[in-house]
């Protein structure tokens, strides 16, 4: 028997190869239940309009940042809650308004600082992007309201009878150095 064989298996047990980070995404249904979002290669998953999504990892991670972007790569405003356990991360995202029908969104997990997300052993993990679309036809934006232009007042209109600068006799009052003078 070779003496090196037992040490190789003991090294493999002490330093297992890094696991691949697996993300699971669920969204809240209109009836309050939760549904798993299926990310099956190449097909963009569709979800119901929701104000709440939940991300779960297969192991705990460190140095991460999770954001949701719209189609124009703008980060959405949200109220987030992270629950870090010994073996998983559960990250809840609440939006102030439901996600819009017909729009695409991207959930991105990347490094908060430095180059990469870290697993519990401090090994780097790649950033990930999960893209999905909200079911239904795209809602049309309401037409822009027309702003009513105000008519400009001419200087001569200020001198009419309703003006504070006109006297009852129709004479104009002029102010010179703060003292009223009548013509």
C-alpha atoms as a PDB file:
ATOM      1  CA  UNK A   1       0.000   0.000   0.000  1.00  0.00           C
ATOM      2  CA  UNK A   2       1.056   3.495  -0.753  1.00  0.00           C
ATOM      3  CA  UNK A   3       1.455   5.716   2.314  1.00  0.00           C
ATOM      4  CA  UNK A   4       0.604   8.884   0.362  1.00  0.00           C
ATOM      5  CA  UNK A   5      -2.946   7.768  -0.478  1.00  0.00           C
ATOM      6  CA  UNK A   6      -4.463   8.323   3.005  1.00  0.00           C
ATOM      7  CA  UNK A   7      -2.951  11.805   3.274  1.00  0.00           C
ATOM      8  CA  UNK A   8      -4.490  12.872  -0.069  1.00  0.00           C
ATOM      9  CA  UNK A   9      -7.985  11.907   1.079  1.00  0.00           C
ATOM     10  CA  UNK A  10      -7.488  13.630   4.434  1.00  0.00           C
ATOM     11  CA  UNK A  11      -6.335  16.805   2.597  1.00  0.00           C
ATOM     12  CA  UNK A  12      -9.418  16.630   0.359  1.00  0.00           C
ATOM     13  CA  UNK A  13     -11.629  16.445   3.461  1.00  0.00           C
ATOM     14  CA  UNK A  14      -9.875  19.388   5.116  1.00  0.00           C
ATOM     15  CA  UNK A  15      -9.820  21.602   2.006  1.00  0.00           C
ATOM     16  CA  UNK A  16     -12.753  20.628  -0.196  1.00  0.00           C
ATOM     17  CA  UNK A  17     -12.986  22.332  -3.590  1.00  0.00           C
ATOM     18  CA  UNK A  18     -15.081  25.502  -3.476  1.00  0.00           C
ATOM     19  CA  UNK A  19     -18.795  25.063  -3.974  1.00  0.00           C
ATOM     20  CA  UNK A  20     -20.488  27.046  -6.690  1.00  0.00           C
ATOM     21  CA  UNK A  21     -22.754  29.793  -5.342  1.00  0.00           C
ATOM     22  CA  UNK A  22     -26.369  28.920  -6.169  1.00  0.00           C
ATOM     23  CA  UNK A  23     -29.073  31.562  -5.886  1.00  0.00           C
ATOM     24  CA  UNK A  24     -32.770  30.828  -5.412  1.00  0.00           C
ATOM     25  CA  UNK A  25     -35.298  33.595  -6.080  1.00  0.00           C
ATOM     26  CA  UNK A  26     -38.922  33.675  -4.948  1.00  0.00           C
ATOM     27  CA  UNK A  27     -41.576  36.344  -5.396  1.00  0.00           C
ATOM     28  CA  UNK A  28     -44.800  37.094  -3.579  1.00  0.00           C
ATOM     29  CA  UNK A  29     -48.032  36.332  -5.442  1.00  0.00           C
ATOM     30  CA  UNK A  30     -51.096  38.620  -5.305  1.00  0.00           C
ATOM     31  CA  UNK A  31     -52.788  36.172  -2.886  1.00  0.00           C
ATOM     32  CA  UNK A  32     -49.824  36.446  -0.467  1.00  0.00           C
ATOM     33  CA  UNK A  33     -48.202  33.095  -1.265  1.00  0.00           C
ATOM     34  CA  UNK A  34     -44.617  32.728  -2.486  1.00  0.00           C
ATOM     35  CA  UNK A  35     -43.557  31.214  -5.822  1.00  0.00           C
ATOM     36  CA  UNK A  36     -40.137  30.030  -6.959  1.00  0.00           C
ATOM     37  CA  UNK A  37     -38.733  31.776 -10.056  1.00  0.00           C
ATOM     38  CA  UNK A  38     -37.335  29.183 -12.486  1.00  0.00           C
ATOM     39  CA  UNK A  39     -34.174  30.244 -14.304  1.00  0.00           C
ATOM     40  CA  UNK A  40     -33.935  27.622 -17.057  1.00  0.00           C
ATOM     41  CA  UNK A  41     -31.201  28.464 -19.572  1.00  0.00           C
ATOM     42  CA  UNK A  42     -32.019  31.088 -22.174  1.00  0.00           C
ATOM     43  CA  UNK A  43     -35.701  31.582 -21.334  1.00  0.00           C
ATOM     44  CA  UNK A  44     -36.451  34.806 -19.486  1.00  0.00           C
ATOM     45  CA  UNK A  45     -38.659  33.875 -16.503  1.00  0.00           C
ATOM     46  CA  UNK A  46     -41.847  35.841 -15.922  1.00  0.00           C
ATOM     47  CA  UNK A  47     -43.259  36.780 -12.527  1.00  0.00           C
ATOM     48  CA  UNK A  48     -46.466  38.456 -11.367  1.00  0.00           C
ATOM     49  CA  UNK A  49     -46.334  42.156 -10.422  1.00  0.00           C
ATOM     50  CA  UNK A  50     -44.993  42.120  -6.871  1.00  0.00           C
ATOM     51  CA  UNK A  51     -43.659  44.346  -4.131  1.00  0.00           C
ATOM     52  CA  UNK A  52     -41.606  41.594  -2.469  1.00  0.00           C
ATOM     53  CA  UNK A  53     -38.865  39.227  -3.656  1.00  0.00           C
ATOM     54  CA  UNK A  54     -36.618  36.940  -1.640  1.00  0.00           C
ATOM     55  CA  UNK A  55     -33.152  35.629  -2.499  1.00  0.00           C
ATOM     56  CA  UNK A  56     -31.603  32.596  -0.780  1.00  0.00           C
ATOM     57  CA  UNK A  57     -28.055  31.251  -1.192  1.00  0.00           C
ATOM     58  CA  UNK A  58     -26.837  27.676  -0.761  1.00  0.00           C
ATOM     59  CA  UNK A  59     -24.184  28.785   1.783  1.00  0.00           C
ATOM     60  CA  UNK A  60     -23.406  31.923   3.756  1.00  0.00           C
ATOM     61  CA  UNK A  61     -21.410  34.624   1.970  1.00  0.00           C
ATOM     62  CA  UNK A  62     -19.459  37.726   2.957  1.00  0.00           C
ATOM     63  CA  UNK A  63     -18.561  41.010   1.234  1.00  0.00           C
ATOM     64  CA  UNK A  64     -21.689  41.060  -0.916  1.00  0.00           C
ATOM     65  CA  UNK A  65     -24.089  43.701  -2.225  1.00  0.00           C
ATOM     66  CA  UNK A  66     -27.515  42.906  -3.683  1.00  0.00           C
ATOM     67  CA  UNK A  67     -29.393  45.370  -5.890  1.00  0.00           C
ATOM     68  CA  UNK A  68     -32.316  45.288  -8.313  1.00  0.00           C
ATOM     69  CA  UNK A  69     -32.054  47.278 -11.553  1.00  0.00           C
ATOM     70  CA  UNK A  70     -34.654  48.308 -14.113  1.00  0.00           C
ATOM     71  CA  UNK A  71     -34.266  48.126 -17.909  1.00  0.00           C
ATOM     72  CA  UNK A  72     -32.235  51.338 -17.958  1.00  0.00           C
ATOM     73  CA  UNK A  73     -29.768  49.994 -15.346  1.00  0.00           C
ATOM     74  CA  UNK A  74     -31.131  52.278 -12.633  1.00  0.00           C
ATOM     75  CA  UNK A  75     -31.102  50.835  -9.129  1.00  0.00           C
ATOM     76  CA  UNK A  76     -34.608  50.553  -7.678  1.00  0.00           C
ATOM     77  CA  UNK A  77     -35.484  52.014  -4.297  1.00  0.00           C
ATOM     78  CA  UNK A  78     -36.154  49.215  -1.841  1.00  0.00           C
ATOM     79  CA  UNK A  79     -36.259  48.282   1.826  1.00  0.00           C
ATOM     80  CA  UNK A  80     -33.946  45.288   2.296  1.00  0.00           C
ATOM     81  CA  UNK A  81     -33.500  42.805   5.131  1.00  0.00           C
ATOM     82  CA  UNK A  82     -30.623  40.301   5.252  1.00  0.00           C
ATOM     83  CA  UNK A  83     -30.788  37.273   7.541  1.00  0.00           C
ATOM     84  CA  UNK A  84     -27.391  35.603   7.673  1.00  0.00           C
ATOM     85  CA  UNK A  85     -27.286  32.090   9.059  1.00  0.00           C
ATOM     86  CA  UNK A  86     -24.419  29.625   9.491  1.00  0.00           C
ATOM     87  CA  UNK A  87     -25.262  27.823   6.282  1.00  0.00           C
ATOM     88  CA  UNK A  88     -27.367  30.228   4.160  1.00  0.00           C
ATOM     89  CA  UNK A  89     -28.215  33.841   3.440  1.00  0.00           C
ATOM     90  CA  UNK A  90     -31.844  34.929   3.129  1.00  0.00           C
ATOM     91  CA  UNK A  91     -32.202  38.402   1.586  1.00  0.00           C
ATOM     92  CA  UNK A  92     -35.628  40.068   1.367  1.00  0.00           C
ATOM     93  CA  UNK A  93     -36.322  43.047  -0.918  1.00  0.00           C
ATOM     94  CA  UNK A  94     -39.479  45.169  -0.505  1.00  0.00           C
ATOM     95  CA  UNK A  95     -40.357  47.767  -3.124  1.00  0.00           C
ATOM     96  CA  UNK A  96     -42.520  50.837  -2.377  1.00  0.00           C
ATOM     97  CA  UNK A  97     -44.627  50.149  -5.502  1.00  0.00           C
ATOM     98  CA  UNK A  98     -45.215  46.903  -7.425  1.00  0.00           C
ATOM     99  CA  UNK A  99     -42.851  46.078 -10.275  1.00  0.00           C
ATOM    100  CA  UNK A 100     -44.378  47.298 -13.546  1.00  0.00           C
ATOM    101  CA  UNK A 101     -46.065  44.942 -16.002  1.00  0.00           C
ATOM    102  CA  UNK A 102     -44.111  44.141 -19.159  1.00  0.00           C
ATOM    103  CA  UNK A 103     -40.828  45.517 -17.785  1.00  0.00           C
ATOM    104  CA  UNK A 104     -37.560  43.631 -17.353  1.00  0.00           C
ATOM    105  CA  UNK A 105     -35.550  43.679 -14.130  1.00  0.00           C
ATOM    106  CA  UNK A 106     -32.158  42.373 -13.019  1.00  0.00           C
ATOM    107  CA  UNK A 107     -31.174  41.227  -9.552  1.00  0.00           C
ATOM    108  CA  UNK A 108     -27.408  41.542  -9.175  1.00  0.00           C
ATOM    109  CA  UNK A 109     -25.171  40.210  -6.430  1.00  0.00           C
ATOM    110  CA  UNK A 110     -21.610  41.525  -6.476  1.00  0.00           C
ATOM    111  CA  UNK A 111     -18.761  42.457  -4.121  1.00  0.00           C
ATOM    112  CA  UNK A 112     -19.400  45.281  -1.679  1.00  0.00           C
ATOM    113  CA  UNK A 113     -15.679  46.093  -1.498  1.00  0.00           C
ATOM    114  CA  UNK A 114     -12.697  44.509  -3.188  1.00  0.00           C
ATOM    115  CA  UNK A 115     -12.848  42.175  -6.127  1.00  0.00           C
ATOM    116  CA  UNK A 116     -15.187  39.351  -5.197  1.00  0.00           C
ATOM    117  CA  UNK A 117     -17.829  37.868  -2.953  1.00  0.00           C
ATOM    118  CA  UNK A 118     -16.363  35.476  -0.369  1.00  0.00           C
ATOM    119  CA  UNK A 119     -17.633  32.085   0.790  1.00  0.00           C
ATOM    120  CA  UNK A 120     -17.320  30.974   4.468  1.00  0.00           C
ATOM    121  CA  UNK A 121     -13.722  29.792   3.876  1.00  0.00           C
ATOM    122  CA  UNK A 122     -12.751  33.152   2.327  1.00  0.00           C
ATOM    123  CA  UNK A 123     -12.620  31.822  -1.241  1.00  0.00           C
ATOM    124  CA  UNK A 124     -13.800  34.126  -4.031  1.00  0.00           C
ATOM    125  CA  UNK A 125     -17.152  33.619  -5.724  1.00  0.00           C
ATOM    126  CA  UNK A 126     -18.171  35.250  -9.028  1.00  0.00           C
ATOM    127  CA  UNK A 127     -20.830  37.951  -9.198  1.00  0.00           C
ATOM    128  CA  UNK A 128     -24.194  36.867 -10.589  1.00  0.00           C
ATOM    129  CA  UNK A 129     -27.085  38.534 -12.405  1.00  0.00           C
ATOM    130  CA  UNK A 130     -30.610  37.111 -12.488  1.00  0.00           C
ATOM    131  CA  UNK A 131     -32.855  38.662 -15.151  1.00  0.00           C
ATOM    132  CA  UNK A 132     -36.641  38.355 -15.142  1.00  0.00           C
ATOM    133  CA  UNK A 133     -39.705  40.044 -16.608  1.00  0.00           C
ATOM    134  CA  UNK A 134     -43.059  40.982 -15.097  1.00  0.00           C
ATOM    135  CA  UNK A 135     -46.037  39.347 -16.850  1.00  0.00           C
ATOM    136  CA  UNK A 136     -48.583  41.299 -18.833  1.00  0.00           C
ATOM    137  CA  UNK A 137     -48.541  44.027 -21.446  1.00  0.00           C
ATOM    138  CA  UNK A 138     -46.452  47.093 -20.814  1.00  0.00           C
ATOM    139  CA  UNK A 139     -48.544  49.845 -19.260  1.00  0.00           C
ATOM    140  CA  UNK A 140     -48.607  53.065 -21.234  1.00  0.00           C
ATOM    141  CA  UNK A 141     -47.440  56.179 -19.448  1.00  0.00           C
ATOM    142  CA  UNK A 142     -50.151  58.808 -18.975  1.00  0.00           C
ATOM    143  CA  UNK A 143     -49.910  61.662 -21.473  1.00  0.00           C
ATOM    144  CA  UNK A 144     -47.996  64.682 -20.294  1.00  0.00           C
ATOM    145  CA  UNK A 145     -50.288  67.423 -19.105  1.00  0.00           C
ATOM    146  CA  UNK A 146     -50.113  70.637 -21.057  1.00  0.00           C
ATOM    147  CA  UNK A 147     -48.918  73.573 -19.050  1.00  0.00           C
ATOM    148  CA  UNK A 148     -51.140  76.591 -19.574  1.00  0.00           C
ATOM    149  CA  UNK A 149     -49.070  79.607 -20.528  1.00  0.00           C
ATOM    150  CA  UNK A 150     -49.692  82.749 -18.573  1.00  0.00           C
ATOM    151  CA  UNK A 151     -50.228  85.905 -20.528  1.00  0.00           C
ATOM    152  CA  UNK A 152     -47.567  88.484 -20.013  1.00  0.00           C
ATOM    153  CA  UNK A 153     -48.708  91.712 -18.507  1.00  0.00           C
ATOM    154  CA  UNK A 154     -47.604  94.765 -20.335  1.00  0.00           C
ATOM    155  CA  UNK A 155     -46.369  97.842 -18.533  1.00  0.00           C
ATOM    156  CA  UNK A 156     -49.325  99.837 -19.809  1.00  0.00           C
ATOM    157  CA  UNK A 157     -51.746  97.415 -18.179  1.00  0.00           C
ATOM    158  CA  UNK A 158     -50.267  98.260 -14.811  1.00  0.00           C
ATOM    159  CA  UNK A 159     -51.280 101.881 -15.283  1.00  0.00           C
ATOM    160  CA  UNK A 160     -54.968 101.170 -15.716  1.00  0.00           C
ATOM    161  CA  UNK A 161     -57.553 102.052 -13.084  1.00  0.00           C
ATOM    162  CA  UNK A 162     -57.056  98.770 -11.190  1.00  0.00           C
ATOM    163  CA  UNK A 163     -53.366  99.421 -10.682  1.00  0.00           C
ATOM    164  CA  UNK A 164     -52.165 100.613  -7.282  1.00  0.00           C
ATOM    165  CA  UNK A 165     -50.032 103.168  -9.134  1.00  0.00           C
ATOM    166  CA  UNK A 166     -52.981 104.942 -10.794  1.00  0.00           C
ATOM    167  CA  UNK A 167     -54.919 107.683  -9.050  1.00  0.00           C
ATOM    168  CA  UNK A 168     -58.692 108.052  -9.240  1.00  0.00           C
ATOM    169  CA  UNK A 169     -58.327 111.038 -11.556  1.00  0.00           C
ATOM    170  CA  UNK A 170     -56.321 108.984 -14.009  1.00  0.00           C
ATOM    171  CA  UNK A 171     -53.063 110.787 -13.280  1.00  0.00           C
ATOM    172  CA  UNK A 172     -50.033 108.613 -12.980  1.00  0.00           C
ATOM    173  CA  UNK A 173     -48.069 108.571  -9.773  1.00  0.00           C
ATOM    174  CA  UNK A 174     -44.295 108.382 -10.028  1.00  0.00           C
ATOM    175  CA  UNK A 175     -41.938 107.472  -7.225  1.00  0.00           C
ATOM    176  CA  UNK A 176     -38.694 109.405  -7.082  1.00  0.00           C
ATOM    177  CA  UNK A 177     -36.320 108.492  -4.285  1.00  0.00           C
ATOM    178  CA  UNK A 178     -39.114 106.918  -2.320  1.00  0.00           C
ATOM    179  CA  UNK A 179     -41.381 110.005  -2.281  1.00  0.00           C
ATOM    180  CA  UNK A 180     -44.564 110.003  -4.349  1.00  0.00           C
ATOM    181  CA  UNK A 181     -44.841 112.783  -6.884  1.00  0.00           C
ATOM    182  CA  UNK A 182     -47.980 113.483  -8.968  1.00  0.00           C
ATOM    183  CA  UNK A 183     -47.925 114.827 -12.522  1.00  0.00           C
END
